[in-house]
C-alpha cells in the first residue's frame, strides 16, 4: 500500500490545528493509501506544540518535528520533507485555506490509468495577449 506523507509547517496556529486535523479524516475515503502527518512546529510562541502533542496521543499517524526557534516557512517545509517516510509528500499549510481532502485529487496511485487527451488538430489555439507586453492590438 503506498504511503503518502503530509509535511505540515506550523507557526502560532493553536486555534486552527484541531480543526485542520479533524478535516484529515476525509483522507480515510482512500483506503488504498497509508498516510502520515509530519507537523513541523516552527518555533511557535503560543500553545501550538501542546496542541500537536495532544493530537499525537490520539492519532498514531502523527509525527512532530519541533524546531528550536522560528526558522521560517521554507526551512520548516524542508525539515518536514526530511522527516517524511512516505512514497510521496504533500506539502500543505494548516491555516485551512486548502482543505486536506483537496490533496486526494492530486494523488494518483496508478500511473498511466487512462489515455492522455490531446487537442484535436483542427481546433485553433486561442491567442491571449501577454500582460505587460508592448505589442498593441488593433480591432
Protein backbone atom coordinates (compact mmCIF):
# COMPACT_ATOMS: atom_id res chain seq x y z
CA UNK A 1 0.00 0.00 0.00
CA UNK A 2 1.50 3.38 -0.99
CA UNK A 3 2.29 5.75 1.85
CA UNK A 4 1.55 9.45 1.46
CA UNK A 5 3.28 11.85 3.84
CA UNK A 6 1.97 15.31 4.63
CA UNK A 7 4.62 17.89 5.55
CA UNK A 8 2.77 20.47 7.61
CA UNK A 9 4.59 23.59 8.85
CA UNK A 10 3.00 25.23 11.90
CA UNK A 11 3.68 28.67 13.36
CA UNK A 12 1.41 30.12 16.05
CA UNK A 13 -1.68 28.24 14.89
CA UNK A 14 -3.02 26.88 18.17
CA UNK A 15 -6.58 27.90 17.33
CA UNK A 16 -6.69 26.07 13.99
CA UNK A 17 -4.67 22.90 14.43
CA UNK A 18 -7.51 20.82 15.89
CA UNK A 19 -9.89 21.90 13.12
CA UNK A 20 -7.28 21.17 10.45
CA UNK A 21 -6.52 17.71 11.79
CA UNK A 22 -10.23 16.92 12.11
CA UNK A 23 -10.50 17.62 8.38
CA UNK A 24 -7.85 14.98 7.66
CA UNK A 25 -10.47 12.34 8.41
CA UNK A 26 -11.62 12.88 4.83
CA UNK A 27 -8.44 11.06 3.82
CA UNK A 28 -9.90 7.81 5.12
CA UNK A 29 -12.03 7.86 1.96
CA UNK A 30 -8.94 6.40 0.26
CA UNK A 31 -8.39 3.02 1.93
CA UNK A 32 -5.78 2.27 -0.74
CA UNK A 33 -3.43 4.83 0.87
CA UNK A 34 -1.48 4.82 4.11
CA UNK A 35 -0.95 8.37 5.38
CA UNK A 36 1.31 10.05 7.88
CA UNK A 37 1.25 13.63 9.12
CA UNK A 38 4.57 15.31 9.86
CA UNK A 39 3.77 18.53 11.70
CA UNK A 40 6.73 20.93 12.00
CA UNK A 41 6.46 23.37 14.88
CA UNK A 42 8.47 26.33 13.59
CA UNK A 43 9.24 27.94 16.95
CA UNK A 44 5.63 28.81 17.78
CA UNK A 45 5.20 31.14 20.74
CA UNK A 46 1.65 30.03 21.51
CA UNK A 47 0.30 26.61 22.52
CA UNK A 48 0.71 25.05 19.06
CA UNK A 49 3.19 22.44 20.29
CA UNK A 50 0.93 21.43 23.20
CA UNK A 51 -1.98 21.01 20.77
CA UNK A 52 0.18 18.88 18.47
CA UNK A 53 1.29 16.64 21.35
CA UNK A 54 -2.33 16.14 22.39
CA UNK A 55 -3.27 15.21 18.83
CA UNK A 56 -0.33 12.82 18.58
CA UNK A 57 -1.50 10.95 21.68
CA UNK A 58 -4.82 10.29 19.92
CA UNK A 59 -3.52 9.59 16.40
CA UNK A 60 -0.56 7.30 15.74
CA UNK A 61 -0.19 8.70 12.19
CA UNK A 62 1.19 11.98 13.59
CA UNK A 63 4.88 12.77 13.86
CA UNK A 64 6.13 16.06 15.31
CA UNK A 65 9.31 17.93 14.44
CA UNK A 66 9.92 20.72 16.96
CA UNK A 67 12.37 23.35 15.74
CA UNK A 68 14.34 25.23 18.42
CA UNK A 69 13.28 28.63 17.07
CA UNK A 70 11.46 30.17 14.12
CA UNK A 71 13.49 29.34 11.02
CA UNK A 72 10.82 30.42 8.53
CA UNK A 73 8.27 28.72 6.37
CA UNK A 74 10.62 27.29 3.72
CA UNK A 75 13.04 25.73 6.21
CA UNK A 76 10.11 24.29 8.17
CA UNK A 77 8.90 22.66 4.95
CA UNK A 78 12.40 21.31 4.29
CA UNK A 79 12.57 19.85 7.82
CA UNK A 80 9.18 18.25 7.30
CA UNK A 81 10.20 16.68 4.00
CA UNK A 82 13.38 15.31 5.57
CA UNK A 83 11.33 13.54 8.25
CA UNK A 84 8.71 12.10 5.90
CA UNK A 85 8.83 8.36 5.24
CA UNK A 86 6.19 8.11 2.51
CA UNK A 87 6.42 7.27 -1.16
CA UNK A 88 5.17 10.78 -1.93
CA UNK A 89 4.97 14.03 0.02
CA UNK A 90 2.15 16.58 0.04
CA UNK A 91 3.14 19.99 1.39
CA UNK A 92 0.25 21.85 2.94
CA UNK A 93 -0.24 24.73 5.36
CA UNK A 94 -2.50 24.18 8.37
CA UNK A 95 -4.33 27.51 8.06
CA UNK A 96 -7.38 25.85 6.44
CA UNK A 97 -7.03 27.74 3.15
CA UNK A 98 -6.74 24.37 1.44
CA UNK A 99 -8.74 21.54 2.99
CA UNK A 100 -6.78 18.26 3.22
CA UNK A 101 -9.40 16.46 1.11
CA UNK A 102 -8.26 18.54 -1.90
CA UNK A 103 -4.94 16.71 -1.80
CA UNK A 104 -6.72 13.46 -2.67
CA UNK A 105 -7.37 14.89 -6.12
CA UNK A 106 -3.61 15.28 -6.58
CA UNK A 107 -2.69 11.76 -5.57
CA UNK A 108 -2.76 9.30 -8.44
CA UNK A 109 -1.55 5.91 -7.35
CA UNK A 110 -1.99 4.14 -10.67
CA UNK A 111 0.31 5.92 -13.11
CA UNK A 112 -0.99 5.68 -16.64
CA UNK A 113 -4.53 4.94 -15.52
CA UNK A 114 -6.04 6.48 -18.62
CA UNK A 115 -5.22 7.88 -22.03
CA UNK A 116 -3.93 11.41 -22.36
CA UNK A 117 -6.46 13.66 -24.05
CA UNK A 118 -4.85 15.63 -26.84
CA UNK A 119 -6.13 18.70 -28.63
CA UNK A 120 -7.71 17.82 -31.95
CA UNK A 121 -5.51 19.02 -34.85
CA UNK A 122 -8.25 21.13 -36.46
CA UNK A 123 -9.06 23.13 -33.34
CA UNK A 124 -7.37 26.54 -33.38
CA UNK A 125 -5.49 27.67 -30.32
CA UNK A 126 -6.75 30.91 -28.76
CA UNK A 127 -4.09 33.55 -28.51
CA UNK A 128 -4.08 35.79 -25.50
CA UNK A 129 -2.01 38.93 -25.05
CA UNK A 130 0.91 38.67 -22.66
CA UNK A 131 0.39 41.03 -19.68
CA UNK A 132 2.89 43.87 -19.80
CA UNK A 133 3.80 43.29 -23.42
CA UNK A 134 4.46 46.28 -25.65
CA UNK A 135 2.50 44.92 -28.61
CA UNK A 136 -0.61 46.87 -29.37
CA UNK A 137 -3.75 45.21 -30.55
CA UNK A 138 -5.97 46.83 -33.14
CA UNK A 139 -9.54 45.88 -33.87
